[in-house]
Amino acid sequence: MAEAKTKPTDASVSDYIDSLKSETQRDACRLIAGLMKSITKKNAVMWGSAIIGFGTYPLTYASGKKADWPLLAFSPRKDKTTIYLMGDFENKKALLKKLGNTN
């Protein structure tokens, strides 16, 4: 069974954010990271080369394969930022719809 490609690393979250070209994007990432740390009470960790994650969430795929993924994470992309939210909670779909495009 193949191993998950995206895993926690020892890379510096601060160095990664500082390497982003746009000052606006760097500022937004620092804000998002602060909010996610406040919510999860966990320190930021780089997952792979471009995902900043907080905490862990155990996944079990339909195939039975198991892997860990960040409980809450984000990844700054060229034109937008992707937010990853694991788990289920009351009114999740309605709340996510308010955020806009959740694909």
PDB file of N, CA and C in Angstrom:
ATOM      1  N   MET A   1       0.850  -1.178   0.000  1.00  0.00           N
ATOM      2  CA  MET A   1       0.000   0.000   0.000  1.00  0.00           C
ATOM      3  C   MET A   1       0.899   1.245   0.000  1.00  0.00           C
ATOM      4  N   ALA A   2       0.631   2.174  -0.873  1.00  0.00           N
ATOM      5  CA  ALA A   2       1.432   3.388  -0.982  1.00  0.00           C
ATOM      6  C   ALA A   2       1.288   4.244   0.272  1.00  0.00           C
ATOM      7  N   GLU A   3       2.372   4.917   0.588  1.00  0.00           N
ATOM      8  CA  GLU A   3       2.389   5.794   1.759  1.00  0.00           C
ATOM      9  C   GLU A   3       1.926   7.188   1.350  1.00  0.00           C
ATOM     10  N   ALA A   4       1.290   7.894   2.282  1.00  0.00           N
ATOM     11  CA  ALA A   4       0.816   9.261   2.001  1.00  0.00           C
ATOM     12  C   ALA A   4       1.997  10.147   1.626  1.00  0.00           C
ATOM     13  N   LYS A   5       1.821  10.956   0.590  1.00  0.00           N
ATOM     14  CA  LYS A   5       2.892  11.858   0.137  1.00  0.00           C
ATOM     15  C   LYS A   5       2.996  13.095   1.010  1.00  0.00           C
ATOM     16  N   THR A   6       1.875  13.585   1.493  1.00  0.00           N
ATOM     17  CA  THR A   6       1.873  14.812   2.291  1.00  0.00           C
ATOM     18  C   THR A   6       1.976  14.449   3.764  1.00  0.00           C
ATOM     19  N   LYS A   7       3.096  14.833   4.360  1.00  0.00           N
ATOM     20  CA  LYS A   7       3.377  14.519   5.763  1.00  0.00           C
ATOM     21  C   LYS A   7       3.950  15.748   6.450  1.00  0.00           C
ATOM     22  N   PRO A   8       3.913  15.757   7.778  1.00  0.00           N
ATOM     23  CA  PRO A   8       4.550  16.862   8.503  1.00  0.00           C
ATOM     24  C   PRO A   8       6.055  16.856   8.252  1.00  0.00           C
ATOM     25  N   THR A   9       6.625  18.045   8.185  1.00  0.00           N
ATOM     26  CA  THR A   9       8.073  18.188   7.986  1.00  0.00           C
ATOM     27  C   THR A   9       8.638  19.060   9.102  1.00  0.00           C
ATOM     28  N   ASP A  10       9.943  19.198   9.103  1.00  0.00           N
ATOM     29  CA  ASP A  10      10.622  20.070  10.064  1.00  0.00           C
ATOM     30  C   ASP A  10      10.863  21.465   9.484  1.00  0.00           C
ATOM     31  N   ALA A  11      10.368  21.725   8.279  1.00  0.00           N
ATOM     32  CA  ALA A  11      10.577  23.032   7.642  1.00  0.00           C
ATOM     33  C   ALA A  11       9.929  24.133   8.476  1.00  0.00           C
ATOM     34  N   SER A  12      10.506  25.309   8.402  1.00  0.00           N
ATOM     35  CA  SER A  12      10.025  26.459   9.164  1.00  0.00           C
ATOM     36  C   SER A  12       8.813  27.100   8.491  1.00  0.00           C
ATOM     37  N   VAL A  13       7.727  27.201   9.245  1.00  0.00           N
ATOM     38  CA  VAL A  13       6.525  27.873   8.748  1.00  0.00           C
ATOM     39  C   VAL A  13       6.830  29.351   8.499  1.00  0.00           C
ATOM     40  N   SER A  14       7.527  29.978   9.420  1.00  0.00           N
ATOM     41  CA  SER A  14       7.860  31.406   9.267  1.00  0.00           C
ATOM     42  C   SER A  14       8.690  31.645   8.016  1.00  0.00           C
ATOM     43  N   ASP A  15       9.694  30.795   7.778  1.00  0.00           N
ATOM     44  CA  ASP A  15      10.525  30.945   6.583  1.00  0.00           C
ATOM     45  C   ASP A  15       9.687  30.773   5.320  1.00  0.00           C
ATOM     46  N   TYR A  16       8.764  29.813   5.335  1.00  0.00           N
ATOM     47  CA  TYR A  16       7.905  29.598   4.173  1.00  0.00           C
ATOM     48  C   TYR A  16       7.049  30.835   3.904  1.00  0.00           C
ATOM     49  N   ILE A  17       6.391  31.348   4.939  1.00  0.00           N
ATOM     50  CA  ILE A  17       5.550  32.539   4.754  1.00  0.00           C
ATOM     51  C   ILE A  17       6.394  33.718   4.295  1.00  0.00           C
ATOM     52  N   ASP A  18       7.568  33.886   4.883  1.00  0.00           N
ATOM     53  CA  ASP A  18       8.457  34.989   4.492  1.00  0.00           C
ATOM     54  C   ASP A  18       8.915  34.880   3.039  1.00  0.00           C
ATOM     55  N   SER A  19       8.914  33.662   2.478  1.00  0.00           N
ATOM     56  CA  SER A  19       9.369  33.461   1.099  1.00  0.00           C
ATOM     57  C   SER A  19       8.307  33.809   0.056  1.00  0.00           C
ATOM     58  N   LEU A  20       7.076  34.030   0.491  1.00  0.00           N
ATOM     59  CA  LEU A  20       6.010  34.366  -0.457  1.00  0.00           C
ATOM     60  C   LEU A  20       6.277  35.735  -1.061  1.00  0.00           C
ATOM     61  N   LYS A  21       5.999  35.884  -2.351  1.00  0.00           N
ATOM     62  CA  LYS A  21       6.350  37.106  -3.079  1.00  0.00           C
ATOM     63  C   LYS A  21       5.528  38.322  -2.675  1.00  0.00           C
ATOM     64  N   SER A  22       4.258  38.127  -2.401  1.00  0.00           N
ATOM     65  CA  SER A  22       3.353  39.241  -2.137  1.00  0.00           C
ATOM     66  C   SER A  22       3.289  39.573  -0.639  1.00  0.00           C
ATOM     67  N   GLU A  23       3.496  40.834  -0.317  1.00  0.00           N
ATOM     68  CA  GLU A  23       3.374  41.272   1.075  1.00  0.00           C
ATOM     69  C   GLU A  23       1.941  41.068   1.576  1.00  0.00           C
ATOM     70  N   THR A  24       0.972  41.320   0.720  1.00  0.00           N
ATOM     71  CA  THR A  24      -0.431  41.114   1.094  1.00  0.00           C
ATOM     72  C   THR A  24      -0.680  39.658   1.434  1.00  0.00           C
ATOM     73  N   GLN A  25      -0.144  38.759   0.629  1.00  0.00           N
ATOM     74  CA  GLN A  25      -0.316  37.330   0.878  1.00  0.00           C
ATOM     75  C   GLN A  25       0.412  36.910   2.164  1.00  0.00           C
ATOM     76  N   ARG A  26       1.609  37.432   2.391  1.00  0.00           N
ATOM     77  CA  ARG A  26       2.336  37.124   3.628  1.00  0.00           C
ATOM     78  C   ARG A  26       1.536  37.581   4.843  1.00  0.00           C
ATOM     79  N   ASP A  27       0.994  38.785   4.786  1.00  0.00           N
ATOM     80  CA  ASP A  27       0.194  39.306   5.900  1.00  0.00           C
ATOM     81  C   ASP A  27      -1.057  38.459   6.128  1.00  0.00           C
ATOM     82  N   ALA A  28      -1.726  38.061   5.035  1.00  0.00           N
ATOM     83  CA  ALA A  28      -2.924  37.227   5.146  1.00  0.00           C
ATOM     84  C   ALA A  28      -2.575  35.873   5.767  1.00  0.00           C
ATOM     85  N   CYS A  29      -1.466  35.293   5.358  1.00  0.00           N
ATOM     86  CA  CYS A  29      -1.045  33.998   5.909  1.00  0.00           C
ATOM     87  C   CYS A  29      -0.740  34.099   7.399  1.00  0.00           C
ATOM     88  N   ARG A  30      -0.105  35.170   7.805  1.00  0.00           N
ATOM     89  CA  ARG A  30       0.169  35.344   9.242  1.00  0.00           C
ATOM     90  C   ARG A  30      -1.143  35.479  10.030  1.00  0.00           C
ATOM     91  N   LEU A  31      -2.103  36.183   9.469  1.00  0.00           N
ATOM     92  CA  LEU A  31      -3.410  36.333  10.111  1.00  0.00           C
ATOM     93  C   LEU A  31      -4.127  34.979  10.206  1.00  0.00           C
ATOM     94  N   ILE A  32      -4.178  34.251   9.098  1.00  0.00           N
ATOM     95  CA  ILE A  32      -4.831  32.940   9.090  1.00  0.00           C
ATOM     96  C   ILE A  32      -4.139  31.998  10.074  1.00  0.00           C
ATOM     97  N   ALA A  33      -2.805  31.989  10.067  1.00  0.00           N
ATOM     98  CA  ALA A  33      -2.065  31.118  10.979  1.00  0.00           C
ATOM     99  C   ALA A  33      -2.378  31.461  12.438  1.00  0.00           C
ATOM    100  N   GLY A  34      -2.470  32.734  12.752  1.00  0.00           N
ATOM    101  CA  GLY A  34      -2.811  33.139  14.114  1.00  0.00           C
ATOM    102  C   GLY A  34      -4.203  32.685  14.519  1.00  0.00           C
ATOM    103  N   LEU A  35      -5.152  32.826  13.599  1.00  0.00           N
ATOM    104  CA  LEU A  35      -6.519  32.378  13.876  1.00  0.00           C
ATOM    105  C   LEU A  35      -6.578  30.868  14.078  1.00  0.00           C
ATOM    106  N   MET A  36      -5.909  30.125  13.214  1.00  0.00           N
ATOM    107  CA  MET A  36      -5.946  28.670  13.315  1.00  0.00           C
ATOM    108  C   MET A  36      -5.244  28.173  14.588  1.00  0.00           C
ATOM    109  N   LYS A  37      -4.165  28.832  14.956  1.00  0.00           N
ATOM    110  CA  LYS A  37      -3.491  28.459  16.208  1.00  0.00           C
ATOM    111  C   LYS A  37      -4.415  28.727  17.397  1.00  0.00           C
ATOM    112  N   SER A  38      -5.103  29.851  17.363  1.00  0.00           N
ATOM    113  CA  SER A  38      -6.033  30.205  18.435  1.00  0.00           C
ATOM    114  C   SER A  38      -7.175  29.191  18.539  1.00  0.00           C
ATOM    115  N   ILE A  39      -7.668  28.733  17.405  1.00  0.00           N
ATOM    116  CA  ILE A  39      -8.780  27.782  17.365  1.00  0.00           C
ATOM    117  C   ILE A  39      -8.343  26.402  17.846  1.00  0.00           C
ATOM    118  N   THR A  40      -7.195  25.921  17.343  1.00  0.00           N
ATOM    119  CA  THR A  40      -6.768  24.548  17.622  1.00  0.00           C
ATOM    120  C   THR A  40      -5.904  24.416  18.870  1.00  0.00           C
ATOM    121  N   LYS A  41      -5.311  25.527  19.308  1.00  0.00           N
ATOM    122  CA  LYS A  41      -4.345  25.499  20.420  1.00  0.00           C
ATOM    123  C   LYS A  41      -3.117  24.656  20.062  1.00  0.00           C
ATOM    124  N   LYS A  42      -2.813  24.552  18.772  1.00  0.00           N
ATOM    125  CA  LYS A  42      -1.659  23.787  18.268  1.00  0.00           C
ATOM    126  C   LYS A  42      -0.744  24.709  17.481  1.00  0.00           C
ATOM    127  N   ASN A  43       0.546  24.408  17.499  1.00  0.00           N
ATOM    128  CA  ASN A  43       1.507  25.173  16.711  1.00  0.00           C
ATOM    129  C   ASN A  43       1.427  24.780  15.246  1.00  0.00           C
ATOM    130  N   ALA A  44       1.786  25.701  14.393  1.00  0.00           N
ATOM    131  CA  ALA A  44       1.795  25.468  12.953  1.00  0.00           C
ATOM    132  C   ALA A  44       2.932  24.530  12.584  1.00  0.00           C
ATOM    133  N   VAL A  45       2.647  23.637  11.620  1.00  0.00           N
ATOM    134  CA  VAL A  45       3.629  22.689  11.104  1.00  0.00           C
ATOM    135  C   VAL A  45       3.487  22.657   9.585  1.00  0.00           C
ATOM    136  N   MET A  46       4.617  22.635   8.891  1.00  0.00           N
ATOM    137  CA  MET A  46       4.575  22.468   7.442  1.00  0.00           C
ATOM    138  C   MET A  46       4.244  21.014   7.131  1.00  0.00           C
ATOM    139  N   TRP A  47       3.277  20.812   6.248  1.00  0.00           N
ATOM    140  CA  TRP A  47       2.908  19.494   5.728  1.00  0.00           C
ATOM    141  C   TRP A  47       3.300  19.516   4.270  1.00  0.00           C
ATOM    142  N   GLY A  48       4.280  18.746   3.894  1.00  0.00           N
ATOM    143  CA  GLY A  48       4.793  18.814   2.534  1.00  0.00           C
ATOM    144  C   GLY A  48       5.488  20.151   2.343  1.00  0.00           C
ATOM    145  N   SER A  49       5.468  20.639   1.133  1.00  0.00           N
ATOM    146  CA  SER A  49       6.204  21.876   0.845  1.00  0.00           C
ATOM    147  C   SER A  49       5.356  23.136   0.882  1.00  0.00           C
ATOM    148  N   ALA A  50       4.006  23.019   0.965  1.00  0.00           N
ATOM    149  CA  ALA A  50       3.197  24.231   0.831  1.00  0.00           C
ATOM    150  C   ALA A  50       1.909  24.243   1.651  1.00  0.00           C
ATOM    151  N   ILE A  51       1.749  23.326   2.599  1.00  0.00           N
ATOM    152  CA  ILE A  51       0.553  23.313   3.441  1.00  0.00           C
ATOM    153  C   ILE A  51       0.963  23.587   4.876  1.00  0.00           C
ATOM    154  N   ILE A  52       0.285  24.543   5.493  1.00  0.00           N
ATOM    155  CA  ILE A  52       0.539  24.893   6.890  1.00  0.00           C
ATOM    156  C   ILE A  52      -0.607  24.305   7.701  1.00  0.00           C
ATOM    157  N   GLY A  53      -0.284  23.354   8.582  1.00  0.00           N
ATOM    158  CA  GLY A  53      -1.317  22.625   9.295  1.00  0.00           C
ATOM    159  C   GLY A  53      -1.233  22.758  10.801  1.00  0.00           C
ATOM    160  N   PHE A  54      -2.368  22.476  11.443  1.00  0.00           N
ATOM    161  CA  PHE A  54      -2.512  22.585  12.896  1.00  0.00           C
ATOM    162  C   PHE A  54      -3.205  21.332  13.404  1.00  0.00           C
ATOM    163  N   GLY A  55      -2.558  20.610  14.325  1.00  0.00           N
ATOM    164  CA  GLY A  55      -3.138  19.389  14.863  1.00  0.00           C
ATOM    165  C   GLY A  55      -3.158  18.288  13.821  1.00  0.00           C
ATOM    166  N   THR A  56      -3.719  17.140  14.190  1.00  0.00           N
ATOM    167  CA  THR A  56      -3.839  16.033  13.242  1.00  0.00           C
ATOM    168  C   THR A  56      -5.225  15.409  13.336  1.00  0.00           C
ATOM    169  N   TYR A  57      -5.615  14.807  12.226  1.00  0.00           N
ATOM    170  CA  TYR A  57      -6.916  14.160  12.119  1.00  0.00           C
ATOM    171  C   TYR A  57      -6.702  12.826  11.416  1.00  0.00           C
ATOM    172  N   PRO A  58      -7.092  11.710  12.035  1.00  0.00           N
ATOM    173  CA  PRO A  58      -6.900  10.414  11.387  1.00  0.00           C
ATOM    174  C   PRO A  58      -7.946  10.167  10.306  1.00  0.00           C
ATOM    175  N   LEU A  59      -7.483   9.858   9.111  1.00  0.00           N
ATOM    176  CA  LEU A  59      -8.371   9.568   7.980  1.00  0.00           C
ATOM    177  C   LEU A  59      -8.382   8.077   7.691  1.00  0.00           C
ATOM    178  N   THR A  60      -9.528   7.556   7.316  1.00  0.00           N
ATOM    179  CA  THR A  60      -9.619   6.202   6.787  1.00  0.00           C
ATOM    180  C   THR A  60     -10.340   6.294   5.454  1.00  0.00           C
ATOM    181  N   TYR A  61      -9.632   5.947   4.393  1.00  0.00           N
ATOM    182  CA  TYR A  61     -10.199   6.000   3.054  1.00  0.00           C
ATOM    183  C   TYR A  61     -11.129   4.815   2.824  1.00  0.00           C
ATOM    184  N   ALA A  62     -11.948   4.890   1.790  1.00  0.00           N
ATOM    185  CA  ALA A  62     -12.864   3.800   1.455  1.00  0.00           C
ATOM    186  C   ALA A  62     -12.109   2.491   1.223  1.00  0.00           C
ATOM    187  N   SER A  63     -10.872   2.600   0.773  1.00  0.00           N
ATOM    188  CA  SER A  63     -10.043   1.417   0.527  1.00  0.00           C
ATOM    189  C   SER A  63      -9.555   0.766   1.822  1.00  0.00           C
ATOM    190  N   GLY A  64      -9.738   1.480   2.945  1.00  0.00           N
ATOM    191  CA  GLY A  64      -9.234   0.988   4.224  1.00  0.00           C
ATOM    192  C   GLY A  64      -7.885   1.583   4.594  1.00  0.00           C
ATOM    193  N   LYS A  65      -7.256   2.256   3.640  1.00  0.00           N
ATOM    194  CA  LYS A  65      -5.965   2.904   3.896  1.00  0.00           C
ATOM    195  C   LYS A  65      -6.150   3.989   4.952  1.00  0.00           C
ATOM    196  N   LYS A  66      -5.183   4.107   5.841  1.00  0.00           N
ATOM    197  CA  LYS A  66      -5.244   5.115   6.898  1.00  0.00           C
ATOM    198  C   LYS A  66      -4.087   6.096   6.743  1.00  0.00           C
ATOM    199  N   ALA A  67      -4.356   7.341   7.097  1.00  0.00           N
ATOM    200  CA  ALA A  67      -3.337   8.384   7.039  1.00  0.00           C
ATOM    201  C   ALA A  67      -3.730   9.500   7.990  1.00  0.00           C
ATOM    202  N   ASP A  68      -2.755  10.285   8.377  1.00  0.00           N
ATOM    203  CA  ASP A  68      -3.028  11.483   9.168  1.00  0.00           C
ATOM    204  C   ASP A  68      -3.044  12.688   8.248  1.00  0.00           C
ATOM    205  N   TRP A  69      -3.857  13.659   8.602  1.00  0.00           N
ATOM    206  CA  TRP A  69      -3.969  14.909   7.855  1.00  0.00           C
ATOM    207  C   TRP A  69      -4.141  16.000   8.901  1.00  0.00           C
ATOM    208  N   PRO A  70      -3.780  17.240   8.596  1.00  0.00           N
ATOM    209  CA  PRO A  70      -3.993  18.303   9.588  1.00  0.00           C
ATOM    210  C   PRO A  70      -5.482  18.476   9.914  1.00  0.00           C
ATOM    211  N   LEU A  71      -5.778  18.739  11.151  1.00  0.00           N
ATOM    212  CA  LEU A  71      -7.151  19.014  11.566  1.00  0.00           C
ATOM    213  C   LEU A  71      -7.655  20.282  10.878  1.00  0.00           C
ATOM    214  N   LEU A  72      -6.800  21.274  10.827  1.00  0.00           N
ATOM    215  CA  LEU A  72      -7.093  22.562  10.204  1.00  0.00           C
ATOM    216  C   LEU A  72      -5.821  22.981   9.479  1.00  0.00           C
ATOM    217  N   ALA A  73      -5.935  23.447   8.243  1.00  0.00           N
ATOM    218  CA  ALA A  73      -4.740  23.798   7.472  1.00  0.00           C
ATOM    219  C   ALA A  73      -5.092  24.802   6.386  1.00  0.00           C
ATOM    220  N   PHE A  74      -4.046  25.390   5.814  1.00  0.00           N
ATOM    221  CA  PHE A  74      -4.234  26.255   4.654  1.00  0.00           C
ATOM    222  C   PHE A  74      -2.992  26.212   3.790  1.00  0.00           C
ATOM    223  N   SER A  75      -3.178  26.592   2.538  1.00  0.00           N
ATOM    224  CA  SER A  75      -2.075  26.624   1.596  1.00  0.00           C
ATOM    225  C   SER A  75      -2.231  27.832   0.685  1.00  0.00           C
ATOM    226  N   PRO A  76      -1.295  28.775   0.772  1.00  0.00           N
ATOM    227  CA  PRO A  76      -1.368  29.932  -0.127  1.00  0.00           C
ATOM    228  C   PRO A  76      -1.011  29.511  -1.549  1.00  0.00           C
ATOM    229  N   ARG A  77      -1.902  29.776  -2.482  1.00  0.00           N
ATOM    230  CA  ARG A  77      -1.679  29.457  -3.891  1.00  0.00           C
ATOM    231  C   ARG A  77      -1.439  30.760  -4.640  1.00  0.00           C
ATOM    232  N   LYS A  78      -1.168  30.649  -5.906  1.00  0.00           N
ATOM    233  CA  LYS A  78      -0.861  31.830  -6.707  1.00  0.00           C
ATOM    234  C   LYS A  78      -1.966  32.882  -6.646  1.00  0.00           C
ATOM    235  N   ASP A  79      -3.223  32.455  -6.894  1.00  0.00           N
ATOM    236  CA  ASP A  79      -4.323  33.408  -6.971  1.00  0.00           C
ATOM    237  C   ASP A  79      -5.275  33.390  -5.787  1.00  0.00           C
ATOM    238  N   LYS A  80      -5.180  32.358  -4.937  1.00  0.00           N
ATOM    239  CA  LYS A  80      -6.095  32.252  -3.805  1.00  0.00           C
ATOM    240  C   LYS A  80      -5.477  31.350  -2.746  1.00  0.00           C
ATOM    241  N   THR A  81      -6.111  31.285  -1.619  1.00  0.00           N
ATOM    242  CA  THR A  81      -5.645  30.443  -0.530  1.00  0.00           C
ATOM    243  C   THR A  81      -6.641  29.311  -0.326  1.00  0.00           C
ATOM    244  N   THR A  82      -6.135  28.094  -0.225  1.00  0.00           N
ATOM    245  CA  THR A  82      -6.967  26.930   0.019  1.00  0.00           C
ATOM    246  C   THR A  82      -6.981  26.649   1.520  1.00  0.00           C
ATOM    247  N   ILE A  83      -8.170  26.436   2.067  1.00  0.00           N
ATOM    248  CA  ILE A  83      -8.315  26.104   3.482  1.00  0.00           C
ATOM    249  C   ILE A  83      -8.829  24.675   3.589  1.00  0.00           C
ATOM    250  N   TYR A  84      -8.178  23.901   4.460  1.00  0.00           N
ATOM    251  CA  TYR A  84      -8.560  22.510   4.698  1.00  0.00           C
ATOM    252  C   TYR A  84      -9.162  22.419   6.089  1.00  0.00           C
ATOM    253  N   LEU A  85     -10.343  21.826   6.174  1.00  0.00           N
ATOM    254  CA  LEU A  85     -11.069  21.676   7.430  1.00  0.00           C
ATOM    255  C   LEU A  85     -11.529  20.239   7.540  1.00  0.00           C
ATOM    256  N   MET A  86     -11.042  19.523   8.523  1.00  0.00           N
ATOM    257  CA  MET A  86     -11.396  18.111   8.687  1.00  0.00           C
ATOM    258  C   MET A  86     -12.462  17.965   9.759  1.00  0.00           C
ATOM    259  N   GLY A  87     -13.127  16.831   9.708  1.00  0.00           N
ATOM    260  CA  GLY A  87     -14.133  16.545  10.716  1.00  0.00           C
ATOM    261  C   GLY A  87     -15.508  17.022  10.296  1.00  0.00           C
ATOM    262  N   ASP A  88     -16.469  16.673  11.092  1.00  0.00           N
ATOM    263  CA  ASP A  88     -17.841  17.056  10.817  1.00  0.00           C
ATOM    264  C   ASP A  88     -18.404  17.762  12.049  1.00  0.00           C
ATOM    265  N   PHE A  89     -19.275  18.703  11.839  1.00  0.00           N
ATOM    266  CA  PHE A  89     -19.879  19.425  12.946  1.00  0.00           C
ATOM    267  C   PHE A  89     -21.225  19.970  12.512  1.00  0.00           C
ATOM    268  N   GLU A  90     -22.016  20.363  13.474  1.00  0.00           N
ATOM    269  CA  GLU A  90     -23.359  20.854  13.213  1.00  0.00           C
ATOM    270  C   GLU A  90     -23.327  22.049  12.258  1.00  0.00           C
ATOM    271  N   ASN A  91     -24.211  22.043  11.286  1.00  0.00           N
ATOM    272  CA  ASN A  91     -24.368  23.135  10.310  1.00  0.00           C
ATOM    273  C   ASN A  91     -23.144  23.335   9.415  1.00  0.00           C
ATOM    274  N   LYS A  92     -22.299  22.326   9.285  1.00  0.00           N
ATOM    275  CA  LYS A  92     -21.071  22.470   8.496  1.00  0.00           C
ATOM    276  C   LYS A  92     -21.361  22.933   7.067  1.00  0.00           C
ATOM    277  N   LYS A  93     -22.282  22.258   6.378  1.00  0.00           N
ATOM    278  CA  LYS A  93     -22.561  22.605   4.980  1.00  0.00           C
ATOM    279  C   LYS A  93     -23.083  24.027   4.845  1.00  0.00           C
ATOM    280  N   ALA A  94     -23.972  24.441   5.727  1.00  0.00           N
ATOM    281  CA  ALA A  94     -24.530  25.800   5.665  1.00  0.00           C
ATOM    282  C   ALA A  94     -23.452  26.844   5.924  1.00  0.00           C
ATOM    283  N   LEU A  95     -22.586  26.563   6.881  1.00  0.00           N
ATOM    284  CA  LEU A  95     -21.521  27.513   7.196  1.00  0.00           C
ATOM    285  C   LEU A  95     -20.505  27.601   6.057  1.00  0.00           C
ATOM    286  N   LEU A  96     -20.153  26.468   5.474  1.00  0.00           N
ATOM    287  CA  LEU A  96     -19.203  26.476   4.366  1.00  0.00           C
ATOM    288  C   LEU A  96     -19.783  27.195   3.149  1.00  0.00           C
ATOM    289  N   LYS A  97     -21.083  27.066   2.937  1.00  0.00           N
ATOM    290  CA  LYS A  97     -21.721  27.744   1.795  1.00  0.00           C
ATOM    291  C   LYS A  97     -21.546  29.270   1.915  1.00  0.00           C
ATOM    292  N   LYS A  98     -21.540  29.781   3.127  1.00  0.00           N
ATOM    293  CA  LYS A  98     -21.352  31.225   3.334  1.00  0.00           C
ATOM    294  C   LYS A  98     -19.957  31.687   2.910  1.00  0.00           C
ATOM    295  N   LEU A  99     -18.992  30.753   2.899  1.00  0.00           N
ATOM    296  CA  LEU A  99     -17.630  31.117   2.508  1.00  0.00           C
ATOM    297  C   LEU A  99     -17.477  31.299   1.001  1.00  0.00           C
ATOM    298  N   GLY A 100     -18.419  30.743   0.244  1.00  0.00           N
ATOM    299  CA  GLY A 100     -18.334  30.850  -1.212  1.00  0.00           C
ATOM    300  C   GLY A 100     -17.916  29.528  -1.809  1.00  0.00           C
ATOM    301  N   ASN A 101     -17.071  29.565  -2.841  1.00  0.00           N
ATOM    302  CA  ASN A 101     -16.647  28.371  -3.555  1.00  0.00           C
ATOM    303  C   ASN A 101     -15.863  27.462  -2.617  1.00  0.00           C
ATOM    304  N   THR A 102     -16.405  26.268  -2.356  1.00  0.00           N
ATOM    305  CA  THR A 102     -15.738  25.334  -1.443  1.00  0.00           C
ATOM    306  C   THR A 102     -15.247  24.103  -2.186  1.00  0.00           C
ATOM    307  N   ASN A 103     -14.943  24.229  -3.442  1.00  0.00           N
ATOM    308  CA  ASN A 103     -14.404  23.104  -4.223  1.00  0.00           C
ATOM    309  C   ASN A 103     -12.913  23.101  -4.150  1.00  0.00           C
TER     310      ASN A 103
END
